[in-house]
Protein backbone atom coordinates (compact mmCIF):
# COMPACT_ATOMS: atom_id res chain seq x y z
CA MET A 1 75.57 325.31 340.14
CA ALA A 2 75.20 325.31 343.90
CA GLN A 3 71.81 323.70 343.57
CA GLN A 4 73.29 320.92 341.44
CA GLU A 5 75.89 320.14 344.10
CA GLN A 6 73.39 319.65 346.93
CA VAL A 7 73.42 316.10 348.26
CA THR A 8 70.21 314.42 349.39
CA ASN A 9 69.34 311.30 351.36
CA LYS A 10 66.96 310.05 348.67
CA ILE A 11 67.24 306.40 347.71
CA CYS A 12 64.66 305.99 344.95
CA THR A 13 66.15 308.18 342.22
CA LEU A 14 66.55 307.51 338.51
CA ALA A 15 70.34 307.69 338.84
CA ASN A 16 70.36 305.10 341.63
CA LEU A 17 68.12 302.86 339.53
CA VAL A 18 70.65 302.97 336.69
CA SER A 19 73.43 302.09 339.15
CA ALA A 20 71.36 299.17 340.46
CA VAL A 21 70.79 297.87 336.92
CA ARG A 22 74.51 298.13 336.20
CA LEU A 23 75.16 296.17 339.39
CA CYS A 24 72.88 293.36 338.17
CA MET A 25 74.87 293.21 334.92
CA VAL A 26 78.00 292.11 336.81
CA PRO A 27 76.87 288.55 337.67
CA ALA A 28 75.09 288.30 334.31
CA TYR A 29 78.40 288.97 332.56
CA LEU A 30 80.18 286.28 334.56
CA VAL A 31 77.49 283.67 333.85
CA LEU A 32 77.60 284.39 330.12
CA LEU A 33 81.40 284.27 330.01
CA LEU A 34 81.71 281.01 331.94
CA ASP A 35 79.03 279.45 329.74
CA GLY A 36 81.20 280.19 326.70
CA HIS A 37 79.15 283.04 325.25
CA ASP A 38 82.10 285.37 324.54
CA VAL A 39 80.23 287.84 322.33
CA LEU A 40 77.25 288.15 324.70
CA ALA A 41 79.58 288.44 327.70
CA ALA A 42 81.56 291.17 325.93
CA PHE A 43 78.32 292.99 325.07
CA MET A 44 77.05 292.78 328.66
CA PHE A 45 80.37 294.00 330.04
CA ALA A 46 80.60 296.81 327.48
CA LEU A 47 77.03 297.89 328.23
CA ALA A 48 77.69 298.01 331.98
CA ALA A 49 80.97 299.87 331.44
CA SER A 50 79.70 302.33 328.83
CA THR A 51 76.79 303.43 331.04
CA ASP A 52 79.23 304.42 333.78
CA PHE A 53 78.72 308.13 333.11
CA VAL A 54 74.91 307.88 332.77
CA ASP A 55 74.03 307.64 336.46
CA GLY A 56 76.28 310.55 337.39
CA GLN A 57 74.93 312.75 334.60
CA LEU A 58 71.34 311.88 335.53
CA ALA A 59 71.97 312.76 339.15
CA ARG A 60 73.46 316.13 338.29
CA ARG A 61 70.98 317.07 335.57
CA THR A 62 67.95 316.12 337.68
CA HIS A 63 69.43 317.66 340.83
CA THR A 64 69.19 314.33 342.66
CA VAL A 65 72.78 313.76 343.74
CA SER A 66 72.38 311.41 346.70
CA ARG A 67 74.66 310.00 349.36
CA LEU A 68 73.71 306.50 348.27
CA GLY A 69 74.59 307.35 344.68
CA GLN A 70 77.97 308.76 345.70
CA LEU A 71 78.76 305.37 347.23
CA LEU A 72 76.95 303.11 344.76
CA ASP A 73 78.39 304.55 341.54
CA PRO A 74 82.11 304.02 342.35
CA ALA A 75 81.32 300.73 344.12
CA VAL A 76 79.70 299.34 340.95
CA ASP A 77 82.73 300.47 338.94
CA ARG A 78 85.05 298.64 341.34
CA LEU A 79 82.91 295.47 341.34
CA LEU A 80 82.71 295.51 337.54
CA MET A 81 86.49 295.93 337.37
CA ILE A 82 87.09 293.03 339.77
CA ALA A 83 84.55 290.81 338.01
CA GLY A 84 86.11 291.71 334.66
CA VAL A 85 89.62 290.59 335.60
CA LEU A 86 88.43 287.52 337.49
CA GLY A 87 86.41 286.38 334.50
CA LEU A 88 89.36 286.89 332.15
CA LEU A 89 91.60 284.98 334.57
CA LEU A 90 89.16 282.05 334.66
CA VAL A 91 89.16 281.80 330.87
CA GLY A 92 92.94 282.24 330.67
CA ARG A 93 93.15 285.57 328.84
CA LEU A 94 94.95 287.67 331.45
CA PRO A 95 98.12 286.84 333.41
CA LEU A 96 97.77 286.54 337.17
CA TRP A 97 99.94 289.57 337.99
CA ILE A 98 97.54 291.98 336.24
CA ILE A 99 94.59 290.51 338.13
CA VAL A 100 96.47 290.88 341.43
CA VAL A 101 97.39 294.51 340.74
CA VAL A 102 93.84 295.47 339.72
CA ILE A 103 92.11 293.69 342.61
CA VAL A 104 94.57 294.82 345.30
CA ARG A 105 94.33 298.42 344.06
CA ASP A 106 90.52 298.42 343.98
CA LEU A 107 90.16 296.76 347.38
CA PHE A 108 92.67 299.25 348.79
CA LEU A 109 90.65 302.18 347.43
CA LEU A 110 87.37 300.70 348.70
CA CYS A 111 88.81 300.19 352.19
CA GLY A 112 90.29 303.68 352.17
CA ALA A 113 86.97 305.23 351.14
CA ALA A 114 85.14 303.27 353.86
CA TYR A 115 87.67 304.44 356.45
CA LEU A 116 87.27 308.09 355.41
CA LEU A 117 83.49 307.80 355.77
CA ARG A 118 84.01 307.20 359.49
CA PHE A 119 85.20 310.80 359.58
CA GLN A 120 82.41 312.03 357.26
CA LYS A 121 84.96 312.60 354.50
CA ARG A 122 85.23 311.36 350.93
CA VAL A 123 87.59 311.87 348.00
CA ALA A 124 85.93 312.93 344.76
CA VAL A 125 86.55 310.86 341.65
CA ILE A 126 89.17 312.56 339.49
CA TYR A 127 89.00 312.78 335.70
CA LEU A 128 92.23 310.83 335.16
CA GLY A 129 90.74 307.98 337.17
CA LYS A 130 87.77 307.86 334.80
CA VAL A 131 90.17 307.79 331.84
CA ALA A 132 92.10 304.90 333.41
CA THR A 133 88.88 302.98 334.03
CA THR A 134 87.75 303.60 330.45
CA PHE A 135 91.00 302.21 329.03
CA LEU A 136 90.78 299.14 331.25
CA PHE A 137 87.14 298.50 330.36
CA ILE A 138 87.85 298.81 326.61
CA GLY A 139 90.80 296.46 327.02
CA PHE A 140 88.74 293.92 328.93
CA ALA A 141 86.00 294.03 326.29
CA GLY A 142 88.61 293.38 323.59
CA LEU A 143 90.01 290.43 325.52
CA LEU A 144 86.50 289.07 326.02
CA LEU A 145 85.83 289.15 322.28
CA ASN A 146 89.29 287.63 321.75
CA LEU A 147 89.40 288.87 318.16
CA PRO A 148 91.02 290.02 316.08
CA LEU A 149 94.30 288.59 317.34
CA ILE A 150 97.47 290.51 316.47
CA PRO A 151 101.10 289.32 316.63
CA GLY A 152 103.11 290.21 319.73
CA LEU A 153 106.11 292.52 319.56
CA GLY A 154 108.51 289.65 320.16
CA VAL A 155 110.83 291.72 322.36
CA CYS A 156 110.95 289.03 325.06
CA ASP A 157 110.07 285.38 325.70
CA ILE A 158 108.25 286.00 328.99
CA ALA A 159 104.92 284.18 329.00
CA TRP A 160 103.30 286.54 331.53
CA LEU A 161 103.86 289.61 329.33
CA PRO A 162 101.30 289.10 326.54
CA GLY A 163 101.83 291.52 323.68
CA PHE A 164 105.53 291.90 324.42
CA ASN A 165 106.34 288.28 323.64
CA GLY A 166 105.85 286.69 320.24
CA GLU A 167 102.44 285.13 320.86
CA SER A 168 99.38 286.52 319.09
CA VAL A 169 97.03 288.30 321.46
CA SER A 170 93.88 290.41 321.41
CA TRP A 171 94.35 294.12 320.72
CA GLY A 172 92.68 294.74 324.07
CA ILE A 173 95.86 293.96 326.00
CA TRP A 174 97.41 297.30 324.99
CA PHE A 175 94.43 299.21 326.37
CA VAL A 176 94.83 297.22 329.58
CA TYR A 177 98.50 298.20 329.89
CA VAL A 178 97.75 301.91 329.38
CA GLY A 179 94.80 301.79 331.78
CA LEU A 180 96.89 299.98 334.38
CA ALA A 181 99.63 302.61 334.24
CA LEU A 182 97.10 305.44 334.58
CA ALA A 183 95.33 303.60 337.41
CA LEU A 184 98.57 303.38 339.41
CA VAL A 185 99.15 307.11 338.92
CA THR A 186 95.65 307.94 340.11
CA THR A 187 96.13 305.71 343.15
CA VAL A 188 98.96 307.98 344.28
CA VAL A 189 96.68 311.00 343.79
CA TYR A 190 93.81 309.39 345.72
CA VAL A 191 96.12 308.45 348.61
CA SER A 192 97.43 312.01 348.76
CA CYS A 193 93.89 313.44 348.77
CA GLY A 194 92.79 310.87 351.35
CA VAL A 195 95.63 311.74 353.71
CA ALA A 196 94.79 315.44 353.36
CA ALA A 197 91.09 314.76 354.08
CA LEU A 198 92.02 312.67 357.12
CA LYS A 199 94.23 315.44 358.50
CA GLU A 200 91.42 317.93 357.95
CA ALA A 201 88.95 315.70 359.80
CA ARG A 202 91.31 315.30 362.74
CA CYS A 203 91.87 319.05 362.91
CA GLU A 204 88.11 319.59 362.92
CA ARG A 205 87.68 317.09 365.75
CA ALA A 206 90.49 318.70 367.70
CA ALA A 207 88.87 322.13 367.27
CA ILE A 208 85.52 320.79 368.49
CA SER A 209 87.08 319.14 371.53
CA CYS A 210 88.84 322.39 372.43
CA ASP A 211 85.50 324.24 372.36
């Protein structure tokens, strides 16, 4: 197990190649969606999202966990998330408030991770965060397909709450709501872990300066 957890400075690894391919799928998805190819766009997005675990598993099983991979893997996830909501906004299938919440959260986490790296610290991805991302990705894929449409609950007349109003909407919206709730919970956890890591880094620096 200890050998599996060793981190290298290698760049050319199979896991990093998979991450790079997934990164290339992001603009491909946007081009397909904006050209009106809903099914192909949904397939490209689903393929990029469903291979999320592949690069991490490859790195661990081949003992090639790298510093680049530790940055690239979550960065691709964040870019795919941002591209997913932006694309759905451009085609009018997600309300603006969901896009704002997703993008602000992801940019906040990216900036926080970059700041921690200045102190040679990072917060490991937690399992609940992966679950939240999975729900969001499934929901986005459903909204991209835009079928089958199901009637809304009709509990309100608010246009920016699809699924709760009476308008028919893709089943994917319910996965988005669950994923969004879980994502907000994990944000609190990440912030807590980040603050703890920052305090640890400052204590280490203080100890070194005293020596």
